[in-house]
């Protein structure tokens, strides 16, 4: 009886491990770009009424301000609220992704579970990935229990970590960086690829 219960529990735990999404095929840039999140940083010299006013304004806008030295503060905030992307951001990202194609060709064999954890499984996939005039068979698939999965591979000295929240879209997180003397902003966008 103990053996039977043990076999049932083992079978249930193996059944709880999902297979990776079906990601094989040819993926190309869809032309869709959505805002993801942004990080804004501003350095404020709180000298005089103007500096003190600016520091108060940033705090009202939910910035977290860290006192660095003297009367200088580093204020930052992370926002996940959607925003309308600027045309210059969309054009810059489109130029990078336009024409990019990622072809994932299934090879004989099954995905092999490399590591298993409470919230994350790591798989080695039987795949050859062709893109950017190169190919690699070193493709790792990270599966989260929450359903947000990602690939991990390198081509031409560049690392890629596209993610999937379903089997229909491959999404690259890409950044547009803006900087001035006292302000920096990192705008992150989801660049969406679809299967052809």
Protein backbone atom coordinates (compact mmCIF):
# COMPACT_ATOMS: atom_id res chain seq x y z
CA UNK A 1 0.00 0.00 0.00
CA UNK A 2 2.83 2.43 0.86
CA UNK A 3 4.46 1.67 -2.50
CA UNK A 4 1.19 2.35 -4.34
CA UNK A 5 0.72 5.70 -2.56
CA UNK A 6 4.36 6.58 -3.30
CA UNK A 7 3.89 5.80 -7.00
CA UNK A 8 0.71 7.89 -7.13
CA UNK A 9 2.49 10.86 -5.48
CA UNK A 10 5.45 10.57 -7.85
CA UNK A 11 3.08 10.42 -10.82
CA UNK A 12 1.19 13.48 -9.56
CA UNK A 13 4.41 15.48 -9.09
CA UNK A 14 5.64 14.55 -12.57
CA UNK A 15 2.26 15.47 -14.00
CA UNK A 16 2.56 18.92 -12.38
CA UNK A 17 5.61 19.69 -14.53
CA UNK A 18 4.32 21.27 -17.70
CA UNK A 19 6.04 20.97 -21.02
CA UNK A 20 7.41 24.16 -22.57
CA UNK A 21 5.14 26.12 -24.91
CA UNK A 22 5.28 25.08 -28.57
CA UNK A 23 7.72 27.73 -29.75
CA UNK A 24 8.97 26.04 -32.90
CA UNK A 25 8.57 27.81 -36.22
CA UNK A 26 9.49 31.14 -37.77
CA UNK A 27 8.94 34.28 -35.72
CA UNK A 28 9.09 37.79 -37.19
CA UNK A 29 8.57 41.31 -35.91
CA UNK A 30 4.85 42.12 -35.95
CA UNK A 31 5.17 45.91 -35.88
CA UNK A 32 3.52 45.98 -32.44
CA UNK A 33 5.29 47.74 -29.56
CA UNK A 34 3.69 48.21 -26.14
CA UNK A 35 4.90 50.13 -23.11
CA UNK A 36 6.13 47.88 -20.28
CA UNK A 37 7.69 49.95 -17.51
CA UNK A 38 9.96 52.91 -17.01
CA UNK A 39 12.59 54.04 -14.56
CA UNK A 40 13.07 57.76 -14.09
CA UNK A 41 15.98 59.30 -12.16
CA UNK A 42 16.60 62.93 -11.37
CA UNK A 43 19.40 64.53 -9.36
CA UNK A 44 18.21 67.57 -7.41
CA UNK A 45 20.30 70.18 -5.64
CA UNK A 46 17.91 71.37 -2.95
CA UNK A 47 19.53 74.78 -2.66
CA UNK A 48 17.18 77.72 -2.34
CA UNK A 49 13.44 77.80 -2.94
CA UNK A 50 13.64 76.48 -6.51
CA UNK A 51 15.59 73.35 -5.52
CA UNK A 52 13.43 72.71 -2.45
CA UNK A 53 10.29 73.15 -4.57
CA UNK A 54 11.55 70.65 -7.17
CA UNK A 55 12.38 68.12 -4.43
CA UNK A 56 8.86 68.51 -2.98
CA UNK A 57 7.31 68.10 -6.47
CA UNK A 58 9.19 64.86 -7.11
CA UNK A 59 8.17 63.45 -3.74
CA UNK A 60 4.52 64.32 -4.53
CA UNK A 61 4.93 62.43 -7.82
CA UNK A 62 5.90 59.28 -5.85
CA UNK A 63 9.66 59.56 -6.41
CA UNK A 64 11.86 58.05 -3.74
CA UNK A 65 14.60 60.53 -2.87
CA UNK A 66 17.94 59.51 -1.40
CA UNK A 67 20.17 62.10 0.24
CA UNK A 68 23.61 61.77 -1.38
CA UNK A 69 25.69 64.60 0.09
CA UNK A 70 25.33 68.19 1.19
CA UNK A 71 22.00 69.28 -0.34
CA UNK A 72 22.03 66.85 -3.26
CA UNK A 73 19.34 64.16 -3.69
CA UNK A 74 18.91 61.31 -6.14
CA UNK A 75 15.21 60.84 -6.80
CA UNK A 76 13.87 57.84 -8.71
CA UNK A 77 10.68 55.99 -9.45
CA UNK A 78 9.62 52.88 -11.29
CA UNK A 79 6.29 52.98 -13.07
CA UNK A 80 4.39 50.08 -14.61
CA UNK A 81 1.46 52.23 -15.71
CA UNK A 82 0.93 52.17 -19.47
CA UNK A 83 1.89 55.28 -21.40
CA UNK A 84 1.64 56.36 -25.00
CA UNK A 85 5.06 55.67 -26.59
CA UNK A 86 6.76 58.62 -28.24
CA UNK A 87 7.05 58.43 -32.02
CA UNK A 88 10.86 58.68 -31.79
CA UNK A 89 10.94 55.66 -29.47
CA UNK A 90 8.73 53.62 -31.78
CA UNK A 91 10.87 54.48 -34.79
CA UNK A 92 14.14 53.63 -33.00
CA UNK A 93 12.82 50.24 -31.87
CA UNK A 94 11.25 49.48 -35.26
CA UNK A 95 14.58 50.11 -36.98
CA UNK A 96 16.23 47.54 -34.71
CA UNK A 97 13.56 44.85 -35.08
CA UNK A 98 12.25 45.41 -38.62
CA UNK A 99 13.34 42.50 -40.79
CA UNK A 100 14.50 40.34 -37.88
CA UNK A 101 13.42 36.74 -38.12
CA UNK A 102 14.04 33.97 -35.58
CA UNK A 103 13.58 30.44 -36.88
CA UNK A 104 13.38 27.67 -34.29
CA UNK A 105 13.71 24.27 -35.99
CA UNK A 106 12.72 21.27 -33.88
CA UNK A 107 15.28 18.48 -33.77
CA UNK A 108 14.69 14.82 -32.88
CA UNK A 109 14.16 14.24 -29.18
CA UNK A 110 12.16 15.71 -26.35
CA UNK A 111 12.80 18.70 -24.08
CA UNK A 112 15.05 17.68 -21.18
CA UNK A 113 14.38 19.01 -17.71
CA UNK A 114 17.70 20.42 -16.41
CA UNK A 115 16.57 21.93 -13.11
CA UNK A 116 13.30 21.97 -11.24
CA UNK A 117 12.33 24.35 -8.47
CA UNK A 118 9.25 25.52 -6.64
CA UNK A 119 8.47 28.30 -9.09
CA UNK A 120 10.85 27.70 -12.02
CA UNK A 121 11.87 24.84 -14.30
CA UNK A 122 14.79 24.97 -16.72
CA UNK A 123 14.69 22.94 -19.94
CA UNK A 124 17.17 22.17 -22.69
CA UNK A 125 15.32 22.15 -25.99
CA UNK A 126 16.05 19.96 -29.02
CA UNK A 127 16.18 22.94 -31.37
CA UNK A 128 18.44 24.79 -33.75
CA UNK A 129 17.81 28.52 -33.78
CA UNK A 130 18.64 30.52 -36.93
CA UNK A 131 18.76 34.32 -36.81
CA UNK A 132 20.93 37.29 -37.72
CA UNK A 133 22.95 35.15 -40.16
CA UNK A 134 23.96 32.69 -37.42
CA UNK A 135 22.69 29.57 -35.70
CA UNK A 136 22.87 28.02 -32.26
CA UNK A 137 21.67 24.82 -30.64
CA UNK A 138 22.34 26.18 -27.16
CA UNK A 139 18.82 27.31 -26.28
CA UNK A 140 17.58 27.17 -22.68
CA UNK A 141 13.89 27.47 -21.85
CA UNK A 142 12.90 28.94 -18.47
CA UNK A 143 9.39 27.91 -17.41
CA UNK A 144 7.71 29.72 -14.54
CA UNK A 145 4.78 28.23 -12.68
CA UNK A 146 2.93 31.50 -13.35
CA UNK A 147 3.05 30.97 -17.12
CA UNK A 148 5.57 33.68 -18.09
CA UNK A 149 8.29 31.67 -19.84
CA UNK A 150 11.46 32.81 -21.59
CA UNK A 151 14.23 31.62 -23.86
CA UNK A 152 17.91 32.25 -23.21
CA UNK A 153 20.38 32.21 -26.12
CA UNK A 154 23.29 34.13 -27.64
CA UNK A 155 23.99 35.06 -31.26
CA UNK A 156 26.83 37.19 -32.58
CA UNK A 157 27.99 38.18 -29.11
CA UNK A 158 24.51 39.44 -28.20
CA UNK A 159 22.35 37.81 -25.53
CA UNK A 160 18.60 37.39 -26.06
CA UNK A 161 15.87 36.64 -23.52
CA UNK A 162 12.52 36.74 -25.32
CA UNK A 163 9.56 35.69 -23.21
CA UNK A 164 6.20 34.05 -23.81
CA UNK A 165 2.98 34.40 -21.82
CA UNK A 166 1.18 32.18 -24.28
CA UNK A 167 2.29 30.14 -27.26
CA UNK A 168 1.24 32.83 -29.75
CA UNK A 169 3.64 35.73 -29.18
CA UNK A 170 7.37 35.94 -28.60
CA UNK A 171 8.15 39.20 -26.79
CA UNK A 172 11.48 41.00 -26.52
CA UNK A 173 11.91 43.55 -23.75
CA UNK A 174 13.83 46.46 -25.27
CA UNK A 175 14.91 49.84 -23.93
CA UNK A 176 15.14 53.45 -25.04
CA UNK A 177 17.45 55.52 -22.82
CA UNK A 178 17.28 59.29 -22.49
CA UNK A 179 19.68 61.45 -20.51
CA UNK A 180 20.30 65.09 -19.73
CA UNK A 181 22.52 66.80 -17.18
CA UNK A 182 20.27 66.07 -14.17
CA UNK A 183 17.79 63.51 -15.51
CA UNK A 184 17.83 59.96 -16.86
CA UNK A 185 14.95 57.85 -18.09
CA UNK A 186 14.88 54.19 -19.09
CA UNK A 187 11.77 53.39 -21.14
CA UNK A 188 11.14 49.65 -21.52
CA UNK A 189 8.92 48.31 -24.27
CA UNK A 190 7.51 44.91 -25.23
CA UNK A 191 8.43 44.31 -28.87
CA UNK A 192 6.12 41.62 -30.20
CA UNK A 193 7.03 38.89 -32.67
CA UNK A 194 4.45 36.54 -34.18
CA UNK A 195 4.73 33.13 -35.75
CA UNK A 196 4.58 33.19 -39.57
